[in-house]
Amino acid sequence: MQEQKEEIKFGFGFDTHRLVEGRKLILGGLEVDHQKGLLGHSDGDVVLHAVCDGALGAVAAGEIGIFYPPTDLAIAGISSVVIAQRVLEVLKEKRASITHMDITVVAEEPKMRPLYEPIKKSLNNIFNIGLENISFKAKSNEGLGDIGRGDAMACFAAITVKITK
């Protein structure tokens, strides 16, 4: 019987979108009550986009735009949960699984602290890695730039994956 070997890899993800009126705000797969939403070809979920890009990066599989190009009109408005499910399939094909995620949203609005636990629970529902393996936090941009004016939001994600060989 051959011994299975495990390898730990890390990936980094980033995403940013403009905040506009007339769109739902979706963060980490959770609909958030806010007067503005994120503008994007999909639902604009900066959290899931950063996490997915980080996970794909950890296994050297590119980024979500390869699988869901913004030029494909057939997928306009696609839920980022669907994108995350596809990323999980890619990881499975590569014998990899997410073991930890460290996520930081940069935004002036809405206030994120009340959303920490609900977003972590939503992320756990999608990725099923345990709440203790999901770090979610936020920072302000101290009034600087588009984010500081409340016109945009960004997200950074460091993703750890285990690959079984």
N, C-alpha and C. Protein backbone atom coordinates (compact mmCIF):
# COMPACT_ATOMS: atom_id res chain seq x y z
N MET A 1 0.84 -1.18 0.00
CA MET A 1 0.00 0.00 0.00
C MET A 1 0.89 1.25 0.00
N GLN A 2 0.60 2.13 -0.93
CA GLN A 2 1.41 3.33 -1.08
C GLN A 2 0.95 4.42 -0.11
N GLU A 3 1.92 5.07 0.54
CA GLU A 3 1.61 6.12 1.49
C GLU A 3 1.18 7.39 0.76
N GLN A 4 0.08 8.00 1.23
CA GLN A 4 -0.36 9.26 0.63
C GLN A 4 0.45 10.41 1.21
N LYS A 5 0.86 11.30 0.36
CA LYS A 5 1.61 12.48 0.79
C LYS A 5 0.71 13.70 0.62
N GLU A 6 0.88 14.62 1.56
CA GLU A 6 0.12 15.86 1.49
C GLU A 6 1.06 17.03 1.30
N GLU A 7 0.58 17.98 0.54
CA GLU A 7 1.34 19.20 0.31
C GLU A 7 0.44 20.38 0.66
N ILE A 8 0.98 21.36 1.35
CA ILE A 8 0.23 22.56 1.70
C ILE A 8 0.68 23.69 0.78
N LYS A 9 -0.30 24.37 0.19
CA LYS A 9 -0.01 25.50 -0.68
C LYS A 9 -0.89 26.68 -0.26
N PHE A 10 -0.46 27.86 -0.65
CA PHE A 10 -1.19 29.08 -0.33
C PHE A 10 -1.51 29.83 -1.61
N GLY A 11 -2.65 30.50 -1.62
CA GLY A 11 -3.02 31.34 -2.75
C GLY A 11 -3.50 32.68 -2.23
N PHE A 12 -3.35 33.69 -3.05
CA PHE A 12 -3.77 35.03 -2.68
C PHE A 12 -4.81 35.52 -3.69
N GLY A 13 -5.91 36.06 -3.19
CA GLY A 13 -6.95 36.58 -4.06
C GLY A 13 -7.27 38.02 -3.74
N PHE A 14 -7.69 38.74 -4.75
CA PHE A 14 -8.07 40.15 -4.60
C PHE A 14 -9.21 40.44 -5.56
N ASP A 15 -10.12 41.31 -5.13
CA ASP A 15 -11.16 41.78 -6.04
C ASP A 15 -11.64 43.14 -5.58
N THR A 16 -12.14 43.92 -6.50
CA THR A 16 -12.74 45.21 -6.18
C THR A 16 -13.87 45.50 -7.16
N HIS A 17 -14.91 46.15 -6.68
CA HIS A 17 -16.05 46.55 -7.52
C HIS A 17 -16.59 47.88 -7.02
N ARG A 18 -17.21 48.61 -7.93
CA ARG A 18 -17.89 49.86 -7.57
C ARG A 18 -19.20 49.55 -6.86
N LEU A 19 -19.56 50.40 -5.92
CA LEU A 19 -20.87 50.35 -5.27
C LEU A 19 -21.81 51.29 -6.02
N VAL A 20 -22.97 50.77 -6.41
CA VAL A 20 -23.94 51.57 -7.16
C VAL A 20 -25.34 51.31 -6.63
N GLU A 21 -26.21 52.27 -6.82
CA GLU A 21 -27.60 52.09 -6.43
C GLU A 21 -28.30 51.19 -7.45
N GLY A 22 -29.33 50.49 -6.98
CA GLY A 22 -30.12 49.65 -7.87
C GLY A 22 -29.62 48.21 -7.99
N ARG A 23 -28.63 47.83 -7.18
CA ARG A 23 -28.14 46.44 -7.18
C ARG A 23 -28.15 45.91 -5.75
N LYS A 24 -28.36 44.61 -5.63
CA LYS A 24 -28.28 43.97 -4.33
C LYS A 24 -26.82 43.87 -3.91
N LEU A 25 -26.57 43.99 -2.60
CA LEU A 25 -25.22 43.82 -2.08
C LEU A 25 -25.09 42.38 -1.59
N ILE A 26 -24.20 41.65 -2.23
CA ILE A 26 -23.94 40.25 -1.88
C ILE A 26 -22.48 40.16 -1.42
N LEU A 27 -22.27 39.63 -0.23
CA LEU A 27 -20.92 39.46 0.32
C LEU A 27 -20.79 38.07 0.91
N GLY A 28 -19.86 37.31 0.40
CA GLY A 28 -19.67 35.95 0.90
C GLY A 28 -20.88 35.06 0.69
N GLY A 29 -21.64 35.35 -0.36
CA GLY A 29 -22.85 34.58 -0.65
C GLY A 29 -24.06 35.02 0.14
N LEU A 30 -23.92 36.05 0.95
CA LEU A 30 -25.00 36.55 1.81
C LEU A 30 -25.54 37.87 1.28
N GLU A 31 -26.85 37.98 1.16
CA GLU A 31 -27.43 39.26 0.77
C GLU A 31 -27.46 40.18 1.99
N VAL A 32 -26.87 41.36 1.83
CA VAL A 32 -26.73 42.33 2.91
C VAL A 32 -27.66 43.50 2.64
N ASP A 33 -28.38 43.93 3.66
CA ASP A 33 -29.29 45.06 3.53
C ASP A 33 -28.48 46.35 3.44
N HIS A 34 -28.48 46.97 2.26
CA HIS A 34 -27.74 48.21 2.03
C HIS A 34 -28.34 48.90 0.82
N GLN A 35 -28.21 50.23 0.77
CA GLN A 35 -28.82 50.98 -0.33
C GLN A 35 -28.06 50.84 -1.64
N LYS A 36 -26.83 50.32 -1.61
CA LYS A 36 -26.04 50.12 -2.81
C LYS A 36 -25.59 48.67 -2.92
N GLY A 37 -25.29 48.26 -4.15
CA GLY A 37 -24.75 46.93 -4.39
C GLY A 37 -23.51 47.04 -5.26
N LEU A 38 -22.84 45.93 -5.44
CA LEU A 38 -21.59 45.92 -6.20
C LEU A 38 -21.85 45.68 -7.69
N LEU A 39 -21.28 46.54 -8.50
CA LEU A 39 -21.45 46.48 -9.95
C LEU A 39 -20.47 45.46 -10.52
N GLY A 40 -20.99 44.53 -11.29
CA GLY A 40 -20.13 43.53 -11.90
C GLY A 40 -20.89 42.73 -12.93
N HIS A 41 -20.15 41.92 -13.70
CA HIS A 41 -20.77 41.04 -14.69
C HIS A 41 -21.59 39.96 -13.99
N SER A 42 -21.11 39.56 -12.80
CA SER A 42 -21.84 38.60 -11.97
C SER A 42 -22.61 39.40 -10.93
N ASP A 43 -22.83 38.81 -9.76
CA ASP A 43 -23.47 39.55 -8.67
C ASP A 43 -22.49 40.49 -7.97
N GLY A 44 -21.21 40.46 -8.38
CA GLY A 44 -20.21 41.39 -7.86
C GLY A 44 -19.68 41.06 -6.47
N ASP A 45 -19.88 39.86 -6.00
CA ASP A 45 -19.49 39.47 -4.64
C ASP A 45 -17.96 39.48 -4.50
N VAL A 46 -17.41 40.59 -3.99
CA VAL A 46 -15.95 40.72 -3.88
C VAL A 46 -15.34 39.66 -2.96
N VAL A 47 -16.09 39.23 -1.96
CA VAL A 47 -15.56 38.23 -1.02
C VAL A 47 -15.37 36.89 -1.73
N LEU A 48 -16.42 36.39 -2.37
CA LEU A 48 -16.29 35.11 -3.06
C LEU A 48 -15.30 35.19 -4.22
N HIS A 49 -15.24 36.32 -4.90
CA HIS A 49 -14.30 36.45 -6.01
C HIS A 49 -12.86 36.37 -5.50
N ALA A 50 -12.55 37.05 -4.41
CA ALA A 50 -11.20 37.01 -3.85
C ALA A 50 -10.86 35.61 -3.34
N VAL A 51 -11.81 34.98 -2.65
CA VAL A 51 -11.58 33.62 -2.14
C VAL A 51 -11.35 32.65 -3.30
N CYS A 52 -12.18 32.73 -4.32
CA CYS A 52 -12.06 31.82 -5.46
C CYS A 52 -10.74 32.03 -6.21
N ASP A 53 -10.35 33.27 -6.42
CA ASP A 53 -9.08 33.52 -7.09
C ASP A 53 -7.92 33.01 -6.24
N GLY A 54 -8.00 33.18 -4.93
CA GLY A 54 -6.96 32.66 -4.05
C GLY A 54 -6.87 31.15 -4.11
N ALA A 55 -8.01 30.48 -4.10
CA ALA A 55 -8.03 29.01 -4.16
C ALA A 55 -7.47 28.52 -5.49
N LEU A 56 -7.88 29.16 -6.58
CA LEU A 56 -7.35 28.77 -7.89
C LEU A 56 -5.85 29.03 -7.98
N GLY A 57 -5.41 30.12 -7.40
CA GLY A 57 -3.98 30.44 -7.40
C GLY A 57 -3.17 29.41 -6.63
N ALA A 58 -3.73 28.90 -5.54
CA ALA A 58 -3.03 27.91 -4.72
C ALA A 58 -2.73 26.63 -5.50
N VAL A 59 -3.57 26.32 -6.48
CA VAL A 59 -3.35 25.10 -7.28
C VAL A 59 -2.91 25.44 -8.71
N ALA A 60 -2.46 26.69 -8.90
CA ALA A 60 -1.96 27.16 -10.20
C ALA A 60 -2.97 26.94 -11.33
N ALA A 61 -4.24 27.26 -11.05
CA ALA A 61 -5.29 27.07 -12.04
C ALA A 61 -5.85 28.40 -12.57
N GLY A 62 -5.09 29.47 -12.42
CA GLY A 62 -5.52 30.74 -12.98
C GLY A 62 -6.42 31.53 -12.07
N GLU A 63 -7.45 32.11 -12.68
CA GLU A 63 -8.41 32.95 -11.95
C GLU A 63 -9.81 32.74 -12.52
N ILE A 64 -10.82 33.26 -11.81
CA ILE A 64 -12.21 32.93 -12.19
C ILE A 64 -12.60 33.43 -13.57
N GLY A 65 -11.94 34.48 -14.06
CA GLY A 65 -12.25 34.99 -15.40
C GLY A 65 -11.97 33.99 -16.51
N ILE A 66 -11.11 33.02 -16.25
CA ILE A 66 -10.84 31.97 -17.24
C ILE A 66 -12.06 31.07 -17.40
N PHE A 67 -12.72 30.78 -16.29
CA PHE A 67 -13.87 29.89 -16.30
C PHE A 67 -15.17 30.65 -16.59
N TYR A 68 -15.22 31.90 -16.16
CA TYR A 68 -16.41 32.74 -16.33
C TYR A 68 -15.99 34.10 -16.88
N PRO A 69 -15.68 34.18 -18.17
CA PRO A 69 -15.19 35.45 -18.73
C PRO A 69 -16.27 36.53 -18.72
N PRO A 70 -15.88 37.76 -18.40
CA PRO A 70 -16.85 38.86 -18.35
C PRO A 70 -17.43 39.21 -19.72
N THR A 71 -16.88 38.64 -20.77
CA THR A 71 -17.41 38.88 -22.12
C THR A 71 -18.55 37.92 -22.47
N ASP A 72 -18.78 36.91 -21.64
CA ASP A 72 -19.82 35.91 -21.90
C ASP A 72 -21.17 36.44 -21.41
N LEU A 73 -21.97 36.93 -22.33
CA LEU A 73 -23.26 37.53 -21.96
C LEU A 73 -24.24 36.51 -21.40
N ALA A 74 -24.04 35.23 -21.70
CA ALA A 74 -24.94 34.18 -21.22
C ALA A 74 -24.88 34.02 -19.71
N ILE A 75 -23.79 34.48 -19.09
CA ILE A 75 -23.66 34.31 -17.64
C ILE A 75 -23.80 35.64 -16.89
N ALA A 76 -24.25 36.68 -17.55
CA ALA A 76 -24.43 37.98 -16.89
C ALA A 76 -25.34 37.80 -15.68
N GLY A 77 -24.89 38.34 -14.55
CA GLY A 77 -25.68 38.27 -13.32
C GLY A 77 -25.53 36.96 -12.56
N ILE A 78 -24.63 36.08 -12.98
CA ILE A 78 -24.45 34.78 -12.34
C ILE A 78 -24.15 34.95 -10.85
N SER A 79 -24.69 34.07 -10.05
CA SER A 79 -24.41 34.05 -8.62
C SER A 79 -22.96 33.61 -8.40
N SER A 80 -22.27 34.30 -7.53
CA SER A 80 -20.89 33.93 -7.23
C SER A 80 -20.83 32.61 -6.46
N VAL A 81 -21.93 32.18 -5.90
CA VAL A 81 -21.98 30.86 -5.26
C VAL A 81 -21.77 29.78 -6.34
N VAL A 82 -22.34 29.99 -7.51
CA VAL A 82 -22.15 29.06 -8.64
C VAL A 82 -20.67 29.05 -9.04
N ILE A 83 -20.06 30.22 -9.07
CA ILE A 83 -18.63 30.32 -9.39
C ILE A 83 -17.82 29.54 -8.35
N ALA A 84 -18.16 29.70 -7.08
CA ALA A 84 -17.45 28.99 -6.00
C ALA A 84 -17.61 27.48 -6.14
N GLN A 85 -18.80 27.03 -6.53
CA GLN A 85 -19.02 25.59 -6.72
C GLN A 85 -18.12 25.05 -7.83
N ARG A 86 -17.95 25.81 -8.89
CA ARG A 86 -17.06 25.40 -9.99
C ARG A 86 -15.60 25.36 -9.51
N VAL A 87 -15.21 26.33 -8.72
CA VAL A 87 -13.85 26.35 -8.17
C VAL A 87 -13.62 25.13 -7.29
N LEU A 88 -14.61 24.75 -6.50
CA LEU A 88 -14.49 23.55 -5.67
C LEU A 88 -14.32 22.30 -6.54
N GLU A 89 -14.98 22.26 -7.70
CA GLU A 89 -14.81 21.14 -8.63
C GLU A 89 -13.37 21.10 -9.16
N VAL A 90 -12.82 22.27 -9.50
CA VAL A 90 -11.44 22.35 -9.99
C VAL A 90 -10.49 21.84 -8.91
N LEU A 91 -10.71 22.27 -7.67
CA LEU A 91 -9.86 21.81 -6.58
C LEU A 91 -9.94 20.29 -6.42
N LYS A 92 -11.15 19.75 -6.51
CA LYS A 92 -11.33 18.30 -6.37
C LYS A 92 -10.57 17.56 -7.47
N GLU A 93 -10.64 18.08 -8.71
CA GLU A 93 -9.91 17.47 -9.82
C GLU A 93 -8.41 17.45 -9.55
N LYS A 94 -7.93 18.43 -8.81
CA LYS A 94 -6.50 18.53 -8.50
C LYS A 94 -6.17 17.91 -7.14
N ARG A 95 -7.13 17.17 -6.58
CA ARG A 95 -6.97 16.49 -5.28
C ARG A 95 -6.61 17.47 -4.18
N ALA A 96 -7.25 18.63 -4.23
CA ALA A 96 -6.97 19.69 -3.27
C ALA A 96 -8.24 20.08 -2.53
N SER A 97 -8.07 20.58 -1.33
CA SER A 97 -9.20 21.09 -0.56
C SER A 97 -8.76 22.30 0.26
N ILE A 98 -9.66 23.24 0.43
CA ILE A 98 -9.37 24.43 1.23
C ILE A 98 -9.37 24.02 2.69
N THR A 99 -8.33 24.45 3.41
CA THR A 99 -8.26 24.15 4.84
C THR A 99 -8.41 25.40 5.70
N HIS A 100 -8.13 26.57 5.13
CA HIS A 100 -8.23 27.81 5.91
C HIS A 100 -8.37 28.99 4.96
N MET A 101 -9.11 30.02 5.39
CA MET A 101 -9.20 31.25 4.62
C MET A 101 -9.13 32.44 5.56
N ASP A 102 -8.35 33.43 5.16
CA ASP A 102 -8.20 34.67 5.91
C ASP A 102 -8.60 35.80 4.97
N ILE A 103 -9.71 36.46 5.28
CA ILE A 103 -10.34 37.41 4.37
C ILE A 103 -10.42 38.78 5.01
N THR A 104 -10.06 39.81 4.25
CA THR A 104 -10.20 41.19 4.71
C THR A 104 -10.94 42.00 3.66
N VAL A 105 -12.08 42.57 4.04
CA VAL A 105 -12.83 43.49 3.18
C VAL A 105 -12.39 44.90 3.53
N VAL A 106 -12.23 45.74 2.49
CA VAL A 106 -11.90 47.14 2.70
C VAL A 106 -13.10 47.94 2.19
N ALA A 107 -13.77 48.63 3.12
CA ALA A 107 -15.00 49.35 2.77
C ALA A 107 -15.30 50.41 3.84
N GLU A 108 -15.96 51.46 3.42
CA GLU A 108 -16.45 52.46 4.37
C GLU A 108 -17.87 52.13 4.80
N GLU A 109 -18.62 51.54 3.88
CA GLU A 109 -20.00 51.20 4.16
C GLU A 109 -20.36 49.92 3.43
N PRO A 110 -21.28 49.14 3.94
CA PRO A 110 -21.87 49.25 5.28
C PRO A 110 -20.85 48.86 6.34
N LYS A 111 -21.17 49.11 7.58
CA LYS A 111 -20.30 48.70 8.67
C LYS A 111 -20.28 47.17 8.71
N MET A 112 -19.10 46.61 8.74
CA MET A 112 -18.93 45.17 8.59
C MET A 112 -19.01 44.37 9.89
N ARG A 113 -18.65 44.97 11.02
CA ARG A 113 -18.58 44.18 12.25
C ARG A 113 -19.85 43.37 12.52
N PRO A 114 -21.05 43.93 12.36
CA PRO A 114 -22.25 43.11 12.60
C PRO A 114 -22.41 41.97 11.59
N LEU A 115 -21.66 42.02 10.49
CA LEU A 115 -21.77 41.01 9.44
C LEU A 115 -20.74 39.89 9.57
N TYR A 116 -19.79 40.03 10.47
CA TYR A 116 -18.71 39.05 10.58
C TYR A 116 -19.24 37.63 10.69
N GLU A 117 -20.04 37.37 11.68
CA GLU A 117 -20.52 35.99 11.91
C GLU A 117 -21.47 35.51 10.81
N PRO A 118 -22.46 36.32 10.38
CA PRO A 118 -23.32 35.85 9.29
C PRO A 118 -22.55 35.53 8.01
N ILE A 119 -21.54 36.33 7.67
CA ILE A 119 -20.76 36.06 6.46
C ILE A 119 -19.91 34.80 6.66
N LYS A 120 -19.31 34.64 7.84
CA LYS A 120 -18.54 33.42 8.11
C LYS A 120 -19.43 32.18 7.98
N LYS A 121 -20.65 32.26 8.50
CA LYS A 121 -21.57 31.12 8.39
C LYS A 121 -21.93 30.84 6.94
N SER A 122 -22.16 31.89 6.16
CA SER A 122 -22.46 31.72 4.74
C SER A 122 -21.28 31.08 4.02
N LEU A 123 -20.08 31.55 4.31
CA LEU A 123 -18.89 30.97 3.69
C LEU A 123 -18.73 29.50 4.07
N ASN A 124 -19.02 29.18 5.33
CA ASN A 124 -18.92 27.78 5.75
C ASN A 124 -19.97 26.92 5.05
N ASN A 125 -21.16 27.47 4.81
CA ASN A 125 -22.18 26.73 4.05
C ASN A 125 -21.72 26.42 2.64
N ILE A 126 -20.93 27.31 2.06
CA ILE A 126 -20.44 27.13 0.69
C ILE A 126 -19.24 26.19 0.65
N PHE A 127 -18.27 26.41 1.55
CA PHE A 127 -16.99 25.71 1.47
C PHE A 127 -16.85 24.55 2.47
N ASN A 128 -17.68 24.53 3.49
CA ASN A 128 -17.73 23.43 4.46
C ASN A 128 -16.34 23.10 5.04
N ILE A 129 -15.68 24.13 5.59
CA ILE A 129 -14.36 23.90 6.19
C ILE A 129 -14.35 24.14 7.70
N GLY A 130 -15.49 24.49 8.26
CA GLY A 130 -15.58 24.76 9.69
C GLY A 130 -15.37 26.24 10.00
N LEU A 131 -16.19 26.78 10.85
CA LEU A 131 -16.10 28.20 11.20
C LEU A 131 -14.74 28.57 11.79
N GLU A 132 -14.13 27.61 12.50
CA GLU A 132 -12.83 27.87 13.11
C GLU A 132 -11.71 28.04 12.08
N ASN A 133 -12.00 27.75 10.83
CA ASN A 133 -11.02 27.86 9.75
C ASN A 133 -11.30 29.02 8.81
N ILE A 134 -12.22 29.89 9.24
CA ILE A 134 -12.58 31.05 8.43
C ILE A 134 -12.37 32.32 9.25
N SER A 135 -11.44 33.14 8.79
CA SER A 135 -11.20 34.43 9.42
C SER A 135 -11.77 35.50 8.49
N PHE A 136 -12.68 36.31 9.02
CA PHE A 136 -13.28 37.38 8.22
C PHE A 136 -13.22 38.66 9.02
N LYS A 137 -12.66 39.69 8.41
CA LYS A 137 -12.53 40.98 9.08
C LYS A 137 -12.62 42.09 8.05
N ALA A 138 -12.65 43.32 8.54
CA ALA A 138 -12.78 44.46 7.63
C ALA A 138 -11.92 45.62 8.11
N LYS A 139 -11.57 46.44 7.16
CA LYS A 139 -10.83 47.67 7.42
C LYS A 139 -11.49 48.79 6.64
N SER A 140 -11.33 50.01 7.14
CA SER A 140 -11.80 51.18 6.41
C SER A 140 -10.65 51.67 5.54
N ASN A 141 -10.93 52.50 4.58
CA ASN A 141 -9.88 53.09 3.75
C ASN A 141 -9.60 54.52 4.20
N GLU A 142 -10.08 54.83 5.42
CA GLU A 142 -9.80 56.12 6.05
C GLU A 142 -10.16 57.32 5.17
N GLY A 143 -11.26 57.17 4.41
CA GLY A 143 -11.73 58.28 3.59
C GLY A 143 -10.95 58.51 2.31
N LEU A 144 -10.01 57.63 1.99
CA LEU A 144 -9.17 57.83 0.82
C LEU A 144 -9.71 57.13 -0.42
N GLY A 145 -9.67 57.80 -1.56
CA GLY A 145 -10.03 57.21 -2.84
C GLY A 145 -11.49 56.83 -2.97
N ASP A 146 -11.78 56.03 -4.01
CA ASP A 146 -13.15 55.58 -4.28
C ASP A 146 -13.72 54.78 -3.11
N ILE A 147 -12.90 53.92 -2.52
CA ILE A 147 -13.37 53.13 -1.39
C ILE A 147 -13.67 54.05 -0.22
N GLY A 148 -12.80 55.00 0.05
CA GLY A 148 -12.99 55.92 1.16
C GLY A 148 -14.21 56.81 1.02
N ARG A 149 -14.60 57.08 -0.22
CA ARG A 149 -15.82 57.88 -0.46
C ARG A 149 -17.08 57.01 -0.42
N GLY A 150 -16.93 55.71 -0.25
CA GLY A 150 -18.10 54.83 -0.23
C GLY A 150 -18.58 54.46 -1.62
N ASP A 151 -17.72 54.64 -2.64
CA ASP A 151 -18.10 54.36 -4.02
C ASP A 151 -17.61 53.00 -4.50
N ALA A 152 -16.83 52.30 -3.67
CA ALA A 152 -16.28 51.01 -4.08
C ALA A 152 -15.95 50.19 -2.84
N MET A 153 -15.62 48.94 -3.08
CA MET A 153 -15.26 48.00 -2.02
C MET A 153 -14.21 47.07 -2.60
N ALA A 154 -13.31 46.61 -1.74
CA ALA A 154 -12.28 45.67 -2.16
C ALA A 154 -12.20 44.53 -1.15
N CYS A 155 -11.58 43.44 -1.57
CA CYS A 155 -11.40 42.30 -0.68
C CYS A 155 -10.08 41.61 -1.01
N PHE A 156 -9.38 41.21 0.05
CA PHE A 156 -8.15 40.44 -0.03
C PHE A 156 -8.40 39.09 0.66
N ALA A 157 -7.86 38.02 0.10
CA ALA A 157 -8.05 36.71 0.71
C ALA A 157 -6.78 35.87 0.58
N ALA A 158 -6.34 35.32 1.70
CA ALA A 158 -5.24 34.36 1.71
C ALA A 158 -5.87 32.99 1.95
N ILE A 159 -5.62 32.06 1.05
CA ILE A 159 -6.28 30.76 1.08
C ILE A 159 -5.23 29.66 1.23
N THR A 160 -5.46 28.76 2.16
CA THR A 160 -4.59 27.60 2.36
C THR A 160 -5.29 26.38 1.83
N VAL A 161 -4.58 25.58 1.04
CA VAL A 161 -5.15 24.34 0.53
C VAL A 161 -4.22 23.17 0.85
N LYS A 162 -4.82 22.02 0.98
CA LYS A 162 -4.07 20.77 1.16
C LYS A 162 -4.24 19.96 -0.11
N ILE A 163 -3.13 19.49 -0.65
CA ILE A 163 -3.17 18.68 -1.87
C ILE A 163 -2.68 17.28 -1.49
N THR A 164 -3.48 16.28 -1.82
CA THR A 164 -3.11 14.88 -1.55
C THR A 164 -2.50 14.30 -2.81
N LYS A 165 -1.31 13.75 -2.67
CA LYS A 165 -0.61 13.19 -3.83
C LYS A 165 -0.59 11.69 -3.78
